[in-house]
C-alpha atoms as a PDB file:
ATOM      1  CA  MET A   1      61.712  51.840 -21.667  1.00  0.00           C
ATOM      2  CA  ASP A   2      64.181  54.431 -20.811  1.00  0.00           C
ATOM      3  CA  SER A   3      66.397  54.356 -17.701  1.00  0.00           C
ATOM      4  CA  LEU A   4      64.326  56.975 -15.962  1.00  0.00           C
ATOM      5  CA  GLU A   5      61.218  54.981 -16.274  1.00  0.00           C
ATOM      6  CA  LYS A   6      63.040  51.971 -14.929  1.00  0.00           C
ATOM      7  CA  ASP A   7      64.548  54.111 -12.222  1.00  0.00           C
ATOM      8  CA  ASP A   8      60.832  55.047 -11.232  1.00  0.00           C
ATOM      9  CA  ILE A   9      59.704  51.536 -11.150  1.00  0.00           C
ATOM     10  CA  TRP A  10      62.701  50.092  -8.924  1.00  0.00           C
ATOM     11  CA  MET A  11      61.899  53.012  -6.566  1.00  0.00           C
ATOM     12  CA  ALA A  12      58.178  52.218  -6.289  1.00  0.00           C
ATOM     13  CA  ARG A  13      59.326  48.816  -5.064  1.00  0.00           C
ATOM     14  CA  ALA A  14      61.564  50.174  -2.572  1.00  0.00           C
ATOM     15  CA  ILE A  15      58.996  52.418  -1.241  1.00  0.00           C
ATOM     16  CA  GLU A  16      56.387  49.434  -1.371  1.00  0.00           C
ATOM     17  CA  LEU A  17      59.205  47.402   0.764  1.00  0.00           C
ATOM     18  CA  ALA A  18      59.551  50.197   3.404  1.00  0.00           C
ATOM     19  CA  GLU A  19      55.745  50.443   4.004  1.00  0.00           C
ATOM     20  CA  LEU A  20      56.355  46.660   5.181  1.00  0.00           C
ATOM     21  CA  GLY A  21      58.025  48.506   8.544  1.00  0.00           C
ATOM     22  CA  SER A  22      55.445  50.826   9.098  1.00  0.00           C
ATOM     23  CA  ALA A  23      54.313  49.438  12.489  1.00  0.00           C
ATOM     24  CA  TYR A  24      57.864  48.721  14.053  1.00  0.00           C
ATOM     25  CA  THR A  25      60.354  51.294  12.993  1.00  0.00           C
ATOM     26  CA  LEU A  26      59.434  54.460  14.382  1.00  0.00           C
ATOM     27  CA  PRO A  27      61.298  56.957  15.301  1.00  0.00           C
ATOM     28  CA  ASN A  28      63.400  55.205  12.716  1.00  0.00           C
ATOM     29  CA  PRO A  29      62.485  55.676   9.173  1.00  0.00           C
ATOM     30  CA  MET A  30      60.704  53.310   6.750  1.00  0.00           C
ATOM     31  CA  VAL A  31      63.307  52.394   4.404  1.00  0.00           C
ATOM     32  CA  GLY A  32      63.507  49.318   1.479  1.00  0.00           C
ATOM     33  CA  CYS A  33      66.270  48.729  -0.897  1.00  0.00           C
ATOM     34  CA  VAL A  34      66.257  46.838  -4.404  1.00  0.00           C
ATOM     35  CA  ILE A  35      69.467  45.311  -5.899  1.00  0.00           C
ATOM     36  CA  VAL A  36      69.128  45.165  -9.525  1.00  0.00           C
ATOM     37  CA  LEU A  37      71.755  43.562 -12.047  1.00  0.00           C
ATOM     38  CA  ASP A  38      70.873  43.477 -15.847  1.00  0.00           C
ATOM     39  CA  GLU A  39      67.361  44.702 -15.169  1.00  0.00           C
ATOM     40  CA  VAL A  40      66.748  41.935 -12.974  1.00  0.00           C
ATOM     41  CA  ALA A  41      66.101  42.656  -9.044  1.00  0.00           C
ATOM     42  CA  ILE A  42      68.480  39.995  -7.327  1.00  0.00           C
ATOM     43  CA  ALA A  43      68.002  41.116  -3.934  1.00  0.00           C
ATOM     44  CA  GLU A  44      65.370  42.951  -1.554  1.00  0.00           C
ATOM     45  CA  GLY A  45      65.100  44.125   2.166  1.00  0.00           C
ATOM     46  CA  PHE A  46      63.371  46.625   4.442  1.00  0.00           C
ATOM     47  CA  HIS A  47      64.179  47.873   7.888  1.00  0.00           C
ATOM     48  CA  GLU A  48      61.872  45.659   9.975  1.00  0.00           C
ATOM     49  CA  GLN A  49      62.159  46.816  13.466  1.00  0.00           C
ATOM     50  CA  PHE A  50      63.481  49.841  15.230  1.00  0.00           C
ATOM     51  CA  GLY A  51      67.114  49.169  16.448  1.00  0.00           C
ATOM     52  CA  GLY A  52      67.647  46.374  13.991  1.00  0.00           C
ATOM     53  CA  ALA A  53      69.220  45.810  10.750  1.00  0.00           C
ATOM     54  CA  HIS A  54      68.633  48.436   8.010  1.00  0.00           C
ATOM     55  CA  ALA A  55      67.054  47.600   4.571  1.00  0.00           C
ATOM     56  CA  GLU A  56      70.836  47.700   2.626  1.00  0.00           C
ATOM     57  CA  VAL A  57      72.048  45.239   5.133  1.00  0.00           C
ATOM     58  CA  ASN A  58      68.979  42.825   4.764  1.00  0.00           C
ATOM     59  CA  ALA A  59      69.012  43.227   1.226  1.00  0.00           C
ATOM     60  CA  LEU A  60      72.702  42.732   0.209  1.00  0.00           C
ATOM     61  CA  ALA A  61      72.448  39.238   2.894  1.00  0.00           C
ATOM     62  CA  GLN A  62      70.523  37.682   0.423  1.00  0.00           C
ATOM     63  CA  ILE A  63      73.649  37.514  -2.172  1.00  0.00           C
ATOM     64  CA  PRO A  64      76.570  36.616   0.072  1.00  0.00           C
ATOM     65  CA  ASP A  65      77.933  34.849  -3.334  1.00  0.00           C
ATOM     66  CA  HIS A  66      78.004  37.988  -5.515  1.00  0.00           C
ATOM     67  CA  THR A  67      81.657  39.196  -6.317  1.00  0.00           C
ATOM     68  CA  GLN A  68      82.582  42.718  -6.342  1.00  0.00           C
ATOM     69  CA  GLU A  69      83.130  42.284  -9.886  1.00  0.00           C
ATOM     70  CA  GLN A  70      79.418  41.380 -10.428  1.00  0.00           C
ATOM     71  CA  LEU A  71      77.995  44.127  -8.081  1.00  0.00           C
ATOM     72  CA  LYS A  72      79.910  46.674  -9.899  1.00  0.00           C
ATOM     73  CA  SER A  73      77.454  46.546 -12.639  1.00  0.00           C
ATOM     74  CA  ALA A  74      74.355  46.638 -10.101  1.00  0.00           C
ATOM     75  CA  THR A  75      72.048  49.246  -9.013  1.00  0.00           C
ATOM     76  CA  ALA A  76      70.485  49.809  -5.354  1.00  0.00           C
ATOM     77  CA  TYR A  77      67.564  51.571  -5.195  1.00  0.00           C
ATOM     78  CA  ILE A  78      67.014  52.842  -1.695  1.00  0.00           C
ATOM     79  CA  ASN A  79      64.128  55.289  -0.719  1.00  0.00           C
ATOM     80  CA  LEU A  80      66.299  56.949   1.845  1.00  0.00           C
ATOM     81  CA  GLU A  81      69.857  58.093   1.639  1.00  0.00           C
ATOM     82  CA  PRO A  82      72.443  55.474   3.342  1.00  0.00           C
ATOM     83  CA  CYS A  83      73.427  56.337   6.568  1.00  0.00           C
ATOM     84  CA  ASN A  84      77.149  57.187   7.143  1.00  0.00           C
ATOM     85  CA  CYS A  85      77.424  57.377  10.715  1.00  0.00           C
ATOM     86  CA  PHE A  86      77.549  54.708  13.451  1.00  0.00           C
ATOM     87  CA  GLY A  87      74.273  54.541  15.486  1.00  0.00           C
ATOM     88  CA  LYS A  88      72.258  51.281  16.623  1.00  0.00           C
ATOM     89  CA  THR A  89      74.015  49.743  13.547  1.00  0.00           C
ATOM     90  CA  PRO A  90      77.380  50.075  11.236  1.00  0.00           C
ATOM     91  CA  PRO A  91      76.936  53.041   8.180  1.00  0.00           C
ATOM     92  CA  CYS A  92      75.245  51.597   5.573  1.00  0.00           C
ATOM     93  CA  VAL A  93      77.487  53.472   3.045  1.00  0.00           C
ATOM     94  CA  ASP A  94      80.622  51.547   4.151  1.00  0.00           C
ATOM     95  CA  LEU A  95      78.415  48.216   3.277  1.00  0.00           C
ATOM     96  CA  LEU A  96      77.516  49.713  -0.234  1.00  0.00           C
ATOM     97  CA  LEU A  97      81.415  50.620  -0.695  1.00  0.00           C
ATOM     98  CA  SER A  98      82.620  47.012   0.450  1.00  0.00           C
ATOM     99  CA  ARG A  99      80.251  45.325  -1.882  1.00  0.00           C
ATOM    100  CA  ASN A 100      81.412  47.597  -4.504  1.00  0.00           C
ATOM    101  CA  ILE A 101      77.846  48.602  -5.698  1.00  0.00           C
ATOM    102  CA  GLY A 102      78.469  50.615  -8.942  1.00  0.00           C
ATOM    103  CA  ARG A 103      75.300  52.775  -8.773  1.00  0.00           C
ATOM    104  CA  VAL A 104      72.997  53.922  -6.161  1.00  0.00           C
ATOM    105  CA  VAL A 105      69.701  55.287  -6.798  1.00  0.00           C
ATOM    106  CA  CYS A 106      67.751  57.622  -3.939  1.00  0.00           C
ATOM    107  CA  ALA A 107      64.727  59.246  -3.338  1.00  0.00           C
ATOM    108  CA  MET A 108      65.789  61.817  -1.025  1.00  0.00           C
ATOM    109  CA  LYS A 109      68.366  63.085   1.401  1.00  0.00           C
ATOM    110  CA  ASP A 110      68.159  61.782   5.257  1.00  0.00           C
ATOM    111  CA  PRO A 111      67.200  65.127   6.981  1.00  0.00           C
ATOM    112  CA  ASN A 112      68.726  63.742   9.953  1.00  0.00           C
ATOM    113  CA  PRO A 113      71.673  66.485  10.424  1.00  0.00           C
ATOM    114  CA  ASN A 114      74.154  63.704  10.853  1.00  0.00           C
ATOM    115  CA  VAL A 115      73.689  62.318   7.622  1.00  0.00           C
ATOM    116  CA  PHE A 116      71.877  65.007   5.723  1.00  0.00           C
ATOM    117  CA  GLY A 117      73.946  64.738   2.245  1.00  0.00           C
ATOM    118  CA  LYS A 118      77.340  63.181   3.964  1.00  0.00           C
ATOM    119  CA  GLY A 119      76.496  59.740   2.591  1.00  0.00           C
ATOM    120  CA  PHE A 120      76.165  60.475  -1.041  1.00  0.00           C
ATOM    121  CA  GLU A 121      79.359  62.650  -0.788  1.00  0.00           C
ATOM    122  CA  ARG A 122      81.302  59.592   0.689  1.00  0.00           C
ATOM    123  CA  LEU A 123      79.532  57.193  -2.406  1.00  0.00           C
ATOM    124  CA  ARG A 124      80.357  60.029  -5.182  1.00  0.00           C
ATOM    125  CA  ALA A 125      83.914  60.239  -3.745  1.00  0.00           C
ATOM    126  CA  ALA A 126      84.504  56.868  -4.428  1.00  0.00           C
ATOM    127  CA  GLY A 127      83.427  57.015  -7.778  1.00  0.00           C
ATOM    128  CA  ILE A 128      80.151  55.562  -7.323  1.00  0.00           C
ATOM    129  CA  GLU A 129      77.248  56.932  -9.625  1.00  0.00           C
ATOM    130  CA  VAL A 130      74.482  58.618  -7.407  1.00  0.00           C
ATOM    131  CA  VAL A 131      70.911  59.779  -8.505  1.00  0.00           C
ATOM    132  CA  VAL A 132      68.495  61.190  -5.869  1.00  0.00           C
ATOM    133  CA  GLY A 133      64.953  62.579  -6.242  1.00  0.00           C
ATOM    134  CA  VAL A 134      63.379  59.647  -7.896  1.00  0.00           C
ATOM    135  CA  LEU A 135      59.626  59.477  -6.470  1.00  0.00           C
ATOM    136  CA  GLU A 136      60.970  61.987  -3.775  1.00  0.00           C
ATOM    137  CA  LYS A 137      57.553  63.101  -3.169  1.00  0.00           C
ATOM    138  CA  LYS A 138      56.119  59.918  -2.255  1.00  0.00           C
ATOM    139  CA  ALA A 139      59.064  59.086  -0.293  1.00  0.00           C
ATOM    140  CA  ARG A 140      58.604  62.031   1.680  1.00  0.00           C
ATOM    141  CA  THR A 141      55.024  61.415   2.289  1.00  0.00           C
ATOM    142  CA  LEU A 142      55.700  58.053   3.299  1.00  0.00           C
ATOM    143  CA  ASN A 143      58.534  59.253   6.090  1.00  0.00           C
ATOM    144  CA  ARG A 144      56.641  62.352   7.016  1.00  0.00           C
ATOM    145  CA  LYS A 145      56.589  61.464  10.702  1.00  0.00           C
ATOM    146  CA  PHE A 146      60.277  60.742  10.801  1.00  0.00           C
ATOM    147  CA  ILE A 147      60.971  63.951   8.631  1.00  0.00           C
ATOM    148  CA  ALA A 148      58.851  66.155  11.324  1.00  0.00           C
ATOM    149  CA  LEU A 149      60.659  64.570  14.312  1.00  0.00           C
ATOM    150  CA  GLN A 150      64.442  65.374  12.691  1.00  0.00           C
ATOM    151  CA  ASP A 151      63.085  69.361  12.857  1.00  0.00           C
ATOM    152  CA  PRO A 152      64.300  70.767  16.136  1.00  0.00           C
ATOM    153  CA  LEU A 153      61.478  73.343  15.942  1.00  0.00           C
ATOM    154  CA  PHE A 154      59.212  70.176  16.004  1.00  0.00           C
ATOM    155  CA  THR A 155      59.022  69.260  19.922  1.00  0.00           C
ATOM    156  CA  ARG A 156      55.754  67.522  20.223  1.00  0.00           C
ATOM    157  CA  PRO A 157      54.375  64.104  18.918  1.00  0.00           C
ATOM    158  CA  TYR A 158      53.137  63.627  15.168  1.00  0.00           C
ATOM    159  CA  VAL A 159      49.458  63.801  15.779  1.00  0.00           C
ATOM    160  CA  THR A 160      46.955  61.904  13.620  1.00  0.00           C
ATOM    161  CA  LEU A 161      43.309  62.725  14.262  1.00  0.00           C
ATOM    162  CA  LYS A 162      40.705  59.867  13.418  1.00  0.00           C
ATOM    163  CA  TRP A 163      37.142  59.768  13.135  1.00  0.00           C
ATOM    164  CA  ALA A 164      34.079  58.077  11.535  1.00  0.00           C
ATOM    165  CA  GLN A 165      31.114  59.730  10.585  1.00  0.00           C
ATOM    166  CA  SER A 166      27.781  58.907   8.837  1.00  0.00           C
ATOM    167  CA  SER A 167      27.286  60.949   5.129  1.00  0.00           C
ATOM    168  CA  ASP A 168      25.181  63.247   6.900  1.00  0.00           C
ATOM    169  CA  GLY A 169      27.755  64.223   9.324  1.00  0.00           C
ATOM    170  CA  TYR A 170      26.985  62.660  12.568  1.00  0.00           C
ATOM    171  CA  ILE A 171      29.303  60.355  14.498  1.00  0.00           C
ATOM    172  CA  ASP A 172      27.260  59.028  17.048  1.00  0.00           C
ATOM    173  CA  PRO A 173      23.123  58.501  16.511  1.00  0.00           C
ATOM    174  CA  GLU A 174      23.014  59.732  20.363  1.00  0.00           C
ATOM    175  CA  MET A 175      23.826  63.396  21.497  1.00  0.00           C
ATOM    176  CA  ASN A 176      24.452  62.083  25.052  1.00  0.00           C
ATOM    177  CA  ALA A 177      24.579  58.618  25.305  1.00  0.00           C
ATOM    178  CA  GLN A 178      24.448  56.436  28.363  1.00  0.00           C
ATOM    179  CA  LYS A 179      27.591  55.162  30.412  1.00  0.00           C
ATOM    180  CA  GLY A 180      28.415  51.431  29.217  1.00  0.00           C
ATOM    181  CA  ARG A 181      26.276  51.890  25.830  1.00  0.00           C
ATOM    182  CA  GLY A 182      28.876  50.231  23.742  1.00  0.00           C
ATOM    183  CA  SER A 183      30.443  51.704  20.835  1.00  0.00           C
ATOM    184  CA  PHE A 184      27.951  52.142  17.777  1.00  0.00           C
ATOM    185  CA  PRO A 185      29.563  51.135  14.468  1.00  0.00           C
ATOM    186  CA  ILE A 186      29.155  53.306  11.787  1.00  0.00           C
ATOM    187  CA  THR A 187      31.559  52.135   9.081  1.00  0.00           C
ATOM    188  CA  SER A 188      32.811  48.864   7.428  1.00  0.00           C
ATOM    189  CA  LYS A 189      34.831  45.819   8.643  1.00  0.00           C
ATOM    190  CA  GLN A 190      37.216  47.044   5.812  1.00  0.00           C
ATOM    191  CA  THR A 191      37.664  50.393   7.608  1.00  0.00           C
ATOM    192  CA  GLN A 192      37.948  48.530  10.872  1.00  0.00           C
ATOM    193  CA  LYS A 193      41.168  46.661   9.579  1.00  0.00           C
ATOM    194  CA  THR A 194      42.357  50.096   8.105  1.00  0.00           C
ATOM    195  CA  VAL A 195      41.719  51.708  11.574  1.00  0.00           C
ATOM    196  CA  HIS A 196      43.762  49.239  13.401  1.00  0.00           C
ATOM    197  CA  GLN A 197      46.698  49.403  11.472  1.00  0.00           C
ATOM    198  CA  LEU A 198      46.634  53.195  12.115  1.00  0.00           C
ATOM    199  CA  ARG A 199      46.882  52.234  15.806  1.00  0.00           C
ATOM    200  CA  ALA A 200      49.706  49.631  15.007  1.00  0.00           C
ATOM    201  CA  ASN A 201      51.490  52.649  13.290  1.00  0.00           C
ATOM    202  CA  ASN A 202      51.414  55.263  16.030  1.00  0.00           C
ATOM    203  CA  LYS A 203      53.461  54.810  19.380  1.00  0.00           C
ATOM    204  CA  ALA A 204      50.065  55.835  21.472  1.00  0.00           C
ATOM    205  CA  ILE A 205      46.333  56.403  20.966  1.00  0.00           C
ATOM    206  CA  LEU A 206      44.527  58.983  22.850  1.00  0.00           C
ATOM    207  CA  VAL A 207      41.016  59.299  23.746  1.00  0.00           C
ATOM    208  CA  GLY A 208      38.562  61.224  26.116  1.00  0.00           C
ATOM    209  CA  LYS A 209      36.750  60.268  29.239  1.00  0.00           C
ATOM    210  CA  ASN A 210      33.498  60.225  27.821  1.00  0.00           C
ATOM    211  CA  THR A 211      34.466  57.824  25.085  1.00  0.00           C
ATOM    212  CA  VAL A 212      35.853  55.593  27.596  1.00  0.00           C
ATOM    213  CA  GLU A 213      32.376  55.761  29.800  1.00  0.00           C
ATOM    214  CA  VAL A 214      30.254  55.227  26.782  1.00  0.00           C
ATOM    215  CA  ASP A 215      32.317  52.488  24.714  1.00  0.00           C
ATOM    216  CA  ASN A 216      34.541  51.026  27.365  1.00  0.00           C
ATOM    217  CA  PRO A 217      37.206  50.298  24.319  1.00  0.00           C
ATOM    218  CA  SER A 218      39.804  47.913  24.189  1.00  0.00           C
ATOM    219  CA  LEU A 219      42.131  50.282  22.212  1.00  0.00           C
ATOM    220  CA  SER A 220      44.069  47.374  21.038  1.00  0.00           C
ATOM    221  CA  VAL A 221      45.433  46.385  17.555  1.00  0.00           C
ATOM    222  CA  ARG A 222      43.448  43.107  16.649  1.00  0.00           C
ATOM    223  CA  HIS A 223      42.546  43.121  12.885  1.00  0.00           C
ATOM    224  CA  ALA A 224      46.229  44.177  11.787  1.00  0.00           C
ATOM    225  CA  GLU A 225      49.597  43.506  12.270  1.00  0.00           C
ATOM    226  CA  GLY A 226      51.632  45.007  15.012  1.00  0.00           C
ATOM    227  CA  ASN A 227      52.051  46.230  18.666  1.00  0.00           C
ATOM    228  CA  ASN A 228      49.538  47.615  20.886  1.00  0.00           C
ATOM    229  CA  PRO A 229      49.957  51.415  21.113  1.00  0.00           C
ATOM    230  CA  THR A 230      50.251  53.159  24.438  1.00  0.00           C
ATOM    231  CA  ARG A 231      46.964  53.869  25.828  1.00  0.00           C
ATOM    232  CA  LEU A 232      46.305  57.717  26.643  1.00  0.00           C
ATOM    233  CA  ILE A 233      43.056  58.817  28.616  1.00  0.00           C
ATOM    234  CA  ILE A 234      41.969  62.454  29.241  1.00  0.00           C
ATOM    235  CA  ASP A 235      40.519  62.034  32.808  1.00  0.00           C
ATOM    236  CA  PRO A 236      40.974  65.310  34.148  1.00  0.00           C
ATOM    237  CA  LEU A 237      40.093  64.606  37.631  1.00  0.00           C
ATOM    238  CA  LEU A 238      40.245  60.665  37.628  1.00  0.00           C
ATOM    239  CA  GLU A 239      36.879  59.767  37.443  1.00  0.00           C
ATOM    240  CA  LEU A 240      36.801  56.415  35.838  1.00  0.00           C
ATOM    241  CA  ASP A 241      37.009  53.094  37.478  1.00  0.00           C
ATOM    242  CA  TYR A 242      40.105  51.596  35.706  1.00  0.00           C
ATOM    243  CA  SER A 243      39.597  48.324  37.101  1.00  0.00           C
ATOM    244  CA  ALA A 244      36.528  47.970  34.848  1.00  0.00           C
ATOM    245  CA  LEU A 245      38.052  48.968  31.903  1.00  0.00           C
ATOM    246  CA  ASN A 246      38.412  46.375  28.912  1.00  0.00           C
ATOM    247  CA  MET A 247      42.079  48.386  27.876  1.00  0.00           C
ATOM    248  CA  THR A 248      43.655  47.293  31.076  1.00  0.00           C
ATOM    249  CA  ARG A 249      43.250  43.826  30.314  1.00  0.00           C
ATOM    250  CA  GLU A 250      44.939  43.935  26.975  1.00  0.00           C
ATOM    251  CA  GLN A 251      48.805  43.930  26.467  1.00  0.00           C
ATOM    252  CA  GLY A 252      50.284  47.714  26.757  1.00  0.00           C
ATOM    253  CA  GLU A 253      50.746  50.405  28.899  1.00  0.00           C
ATOM    254  CA  THR A 254      47.664  52.870  29.963  1.00  0.00           C
ATOM    255  CA  TRP A 255      48.588  56.317  30.916  1.00  0.00           C
ATOM    256  CA  VAL A 256      46.298  59.110  32.538  1.00  0.00           C
ATOM    257  CA  LEU A 257      46.418  62.740  31.752  1.00  0.00           C
ATOM    258  CA  CYS A 258      44.655  64.600  34.631  1.00  0.00           C
ATOM    259  CA  GLU A 259      45.104  68.143  36.554  1.00  0.00           C
ATOM    260  CA  GLU A 260      47.541  68.635  39.008  1.00  0.00           C
ATOM    261  CA  GLU A 261      44.887  68.722  41.768  1.00  0.00           C
ATOM    262  CA  GLY A 262      43.096  65.405  40.736  1.00  0.00           C
ATOM    263  CA  HIS A 263      46.407  63.237  41.108  1.00  0.00           C
ATOM    264  CA  ARG A 264      45.790  60.028  43.534  1.00  0.00           C
ATOM    265  CA  GLY A 265      48.416  57.802  43.810  1.00  0.00           C
ATOM    266  CA  THR A 266      46.022  54.740  44.185  1.00  0.00           C
ATOM    267  CA  LEU A 267      45.960  54.241  40.188  1.00  0.00           C
ATOM    268  CA  GLU A 268      49.392  52.824  40.211  1.00  0.00           C
ATOM    269  CA  LYS A 269      47.994  50.165  41.771  1.00  0.00           C
ATOM    270  CA  GLU A 270      45.964  49.539  38.653  1.00  0.00           C
ATOM    271  CA  ASN A 271      49.033  49.417  36.265  1.00  0.00           C
ATOM    272  CA  VAL A 272      47.660  53.108  35.136  1.00  0.00           C
ATOM    273  CA  LYS A 273      50.368  55.818  34.801  1.00  0.00           C
ATOM    274  CA  VAL A 274      49.116  59.016  36.041  1.00  0.00           C
ATOM    275  CA  LEU A 275      50.315  62.248  34.265  1.00  0.00           C
ATOM    276  CA  PRO A 276      48.962  65.457  36.317  1.00  0.00           C
ATOM    277  CA  TRP A 277      49.499  67.989  33.446  1.00  0.00           C
ATOM    278  CA  LEU A 278      46.357  69.160  31.993  1.00  0.00           C
ATOM    279  CA  ASN A 279      46.989  72.227  33.820  1.00  0.00           C
ATOM    280  CA  LEU A 280      49.395  72.668  30.988  1.00  0.00           C
ATOM    281  CA  ASN A 281      48.181  74.058  27.790  1.00  0.00           C
ATOM    282  CA  THR A 282      47.720  71.257  24.893  1.00  0.00           C
ATOM    283  CA  GLU A 283      50.986  72.172  23.062  1.00  0.00           C
ATOM    284  CA  GLU A 284      53.123  72.103  26.399  1.00  0.00           C
ATOM    285  CA  TRP A 285      51.555  68.506  27.613  1.00  0.00           C
ATOM    286  CA  LEU A 286      52.203  67.061  24.056  1.00  0.00           C
ATOM    287  CA  GLU A 287      55.684  68.186  24.683  1.00  0.00           C
ATOM    288  CA  LYS A 288      56.219  66.263  27.819  1.00  0.00           C
ATOM    289  CA  LEU A 289      54.613  62.863  26.117  1.00  0.00           C
ATOM    290  CA  ARG A 290      57.414  63.580  23.210  1.00  0.00           C
ATOM    291  CA  ASN A 291      60.077  63.742  26.226  1.00  0.00           C
ATOM    292  CA  GLU A 292      58.624  60.325  27.492  1.00  0.00           C
ATOM    293  CA  GLY A 293      59.159  58.712  24.284  1.00  0.00           C
ATOM    294  CA  ILE A 294      55.637  59.176  22.777  1.00  0.00           C
ATOM    295  CA  HIS A 295      56.640  60.043  19.053  1.00  0.00           C
ATOM    296  CA  SER A 296      53.358  59.866  17.340  1.00  0.00           C
ATOM    297  CA  ILE A 297      49.634  59.872  18.645  1.00  0.00           C
ATOM    298  CA  LEU A 298      46.463  58.806  17.100  1.00  0.00           C
ATOM    299  CA  VAL A 299      43.534  60.636  18.489  1.00  0.00           C
ATOM    300  CA  GLU A 300      40.240  58.811  18.179  1.00  0.00           C
ATOM    301  CA  GLY A 301      37.484  60.519  20.064  1.00  0.00           C
ATOM    302  CA  GLY A 302      35.572  61.694  21.196  1.00  0.00           C
ATOM    303  CA  ALA A 303      34.270  64.497  19.520  1.00  0.00           C
ATOM    304  CA  SER A 304      35.105  67.539  22.170  1.00  0.00           C
ATOM    305  CA  THR A 305      38.612  66.014  22.021  1.00  0.00           C
ATOM    306  CA  LEU A 306      39.131  65.845  18.461  1.00  0.00           C
ATOM    307  CA  GLN A 307      37.575  69.404  18.316  1.00  0.00           C
ATOM    308  CA  ARG A 308      40.344  70.528  20.797  1.00  0.00           C
ATOM    309  CA  PHE A 309      43.076  69.570  18.601  1.00  0.00           C
ATOM    310  CA  LEU A 310      41.483  71.026  15.575  1.00  0.00           C
ATOM    311  CA  ASP A 311      41.026  74.304  17.305  1.00  0.00           C
ATOM    312  CA  CYS A 312      44.424  74.767  18.579  1.00  0.00           C
ATOM    313  CA  GLY A 313      46.306  73.413  15.524  1.00  0.00           C
ATOM    314  CA  CYS A 314      48.243  70.539  17.363  1.00  0.00           C
ATOM    315  CA  TYR A 315      47.649  67.814  14.330  1.00  0.00           C
ATOM    316  CA  ASP A 316      49.223  67.030  11.447  1.00  0.00           C
ATOM    317  CA  ASP A 317      47.423  64.354   9.645  1.00  0.00           C
ATOM    318  CA  ILE A 318      43.785  63.979   9.671  1.00  0.00           C
ATOM    319  CA  GLU A 319      41.628  60.496   8.778  1.00  0.00           C
ATOM    320  CA  ILE A 320      38.026  60.392   8.155  1.00  0.00           C
ATOM    321  CA  PHE A 321      36.138  57.611   7.198  1.00  0.00           C
ATOM    322  CA  ILE A 322      32.407  58.405   5.794  1.00  0.00           C
ATOM    323  CA  SER A 323      29.483  55.608   5.749  1.00  0.00           C
ATOM    324  CA  ASP A 324      27.189  55.692   2.891  1.00  0.00           C
ATOM    325  CA  LYS A 325      24.736  55.621   5.591  1.00  0.00           C
ATOM    326  CA  ASN A 326      22.338  58.517   7.345  1.00  0.00           C
ATOM    327  CA  LEU A 327      21.743  58.794  10.702  1.00  0.00           C
ATOM    328  CA  ASN A 328      19.536  61.806  10.688  1.00  0.00           C
ATOM    329  CA  THR A 329      20.395  62.946  13.967  1.00  0.00           C
ATOM    330  CA  GLY A 330      22.665  62.749  16.841  1.00  0.00           C
ATOM    331  CA  LEU A 331      26.239  63.870  17.790  1.00  0.00           C
ATOM    332  CA  HIS A 332      27.722  66.284  14.986  1.00  0.00           C
ATOM    333  CA  ALA A 333      31.361  65.118  13.830  1.00  0.00           C
ATOM    334  CA  PRO A 334      34.290  67.772  14.478  1.00  0.00           C
ATOM    335  CA  LYS A 335      34.094  71.121  12.338  1.00  0.00           C
ATOM    336  CA  LEU A 336      37.298  71.452  10.348  1.00  0.00           C
ATOM    337  CA  PRO A 337      39.294  74.668  10.462  1.00  0.00           C
ATOM    338  CA  GLN A 338      38.843  76.690   6.987  1.00  0.00           C
ATOM    339  CA  ARG A 339      42.766  76.432   6.105  1.00  0.00           C
ATOM    340  CA  THR A 340      42.509  72.270   5.751  1.00  0.00           C
ATOM    341  CA  ARG A 341      39.418  72.341   3.362  1.00  0.00           C
ATOM    342  CA  GLY A 342      40.172  71.667  -0.228  1.00  0.00           C
ATOM    343  CA  LYS A 343      43.219  69.504   0.671  1.00  0.00           C
ATOM    344  CA  PHE A 344      42.077  66.453   1.224  1.00  0.00           C
ATOM    345  CA  THR A 345      42.631  63.350  -1.013  1.00  0.00           C
ATOM    346  CA  GLU A 346      39.981  60.608  -1.105  1.00  0.00           C
ATOM    347  CA  MET A 347      39.813  56.768  -1.929  1.00  0.00           C
ATOM    348  CA  ARG A 348      37.258  54.019  -0.986  1.00  0.00           C
ATOM    349  CA  VAL A 349      37.811  51.295   1.358  1.00  0.00           C
ATOM    350  CA  GLY A 350      35.275  48.797   0.927  1.00  0.00           C
ATOM    351  CA  GLU A 351      31.865  50.303   1.371  1.00  0.00           C
ATOM    352  CA  ASP A 352      33.450  53.499   2.800  1.00  0.00           C
ATOM    353  CA  LEU A 353      34.934  56.852   1.741  1.00  0.00           C
ATOM    354  CA  ARG A 354      38.226  57.618   3.365  1.00  0.00           C
ATOM    355  CA  LYS A 355      39.128  61.259   3.049  1.00  0.00           C
ATOM    356  CA  GLN A 356      42.708  61.862   4.410  1.00  0.00           C
ATOM    357  CA  TYR A 357      44.709  65.294   5.180  1.00  0.00           C
ATOM    358  CA  ILE A 358      48.480  64.787   5.343  1.00  0.00           C
ATOM    359  CA  ARG A 359      50.899  67.214   6.603  1.00  0.00           C
ATOM    360  CA  GLU A 360      53.143  68.555   3.761  1.00  0.00           C
ATOM    361  CA  CYS A 361      56.614  67.938   4.315  1.00  0.00           C
END
């Protein structure tokens, strides 16, 4: 096995470690680090939560007794360029230099303009061998939200659209389900776990008024690791009875998007934050949500809400879970824009098919 193949193997492990922080790091990136000496991994670490120690710190903390002379022969595999500036933690470049790591292999540059190649420059200036670009495509896909958020022209949250449908293209057996009917599960329990991880991986989850009226969902993370996202409800005229909703009994915040003329202060008593922004277009109120700290949103329904996002192009990823069952009639799944067709990847989740469209970055 040549050195390039070995680099791929260890970088794949660093990316695997990085993903362990998926529910806790945004708006920071997911980063993993593997320290290898004499072809053996002697330490591993990952960025566990926003504001916490970086991957390099957590990895090197595992080997406090290794000397500078020993680590001169070691390689650090990191899926993102080490930081070269003070933020919530000291620069990781300083740590790598102080421990005398002899070689650093990274998947990609940090798109943060405060870093962007400067970390590599310092390492090389100190005589450390630096290799960049190993498994870069996988690394960029992993941190696509973080990459998008670094772009000054990208001013809204990162938006993922998600729905489940039958094999014949329906998302509900009824065209006009009655209020309070409850949800109608289409896909398997394995898919439910995957969807709950998607919830945990996003800052907020968004649904429309009709979905709330029919399903009365909790919109929480129960079958995956992570915190409940902020719940965003589109309720133009504030017609829902928020005191009766399951979601308001869950941990986390509930925010309601309404029209300016529908604004009533009484909802503040229900611990519901009212945002009278729906008179703006979708892009504009999304930008306002970004300014409120909502960096990413999972849009779960219903059909008209999902279609609105598709039609205006305000989305980045699409997740479709397809059951092997037919419903034969009911409410049709959202219609995809022509430009997204043919770019989906497919995988199995238990009994279901998962079709995934990912923003290129």
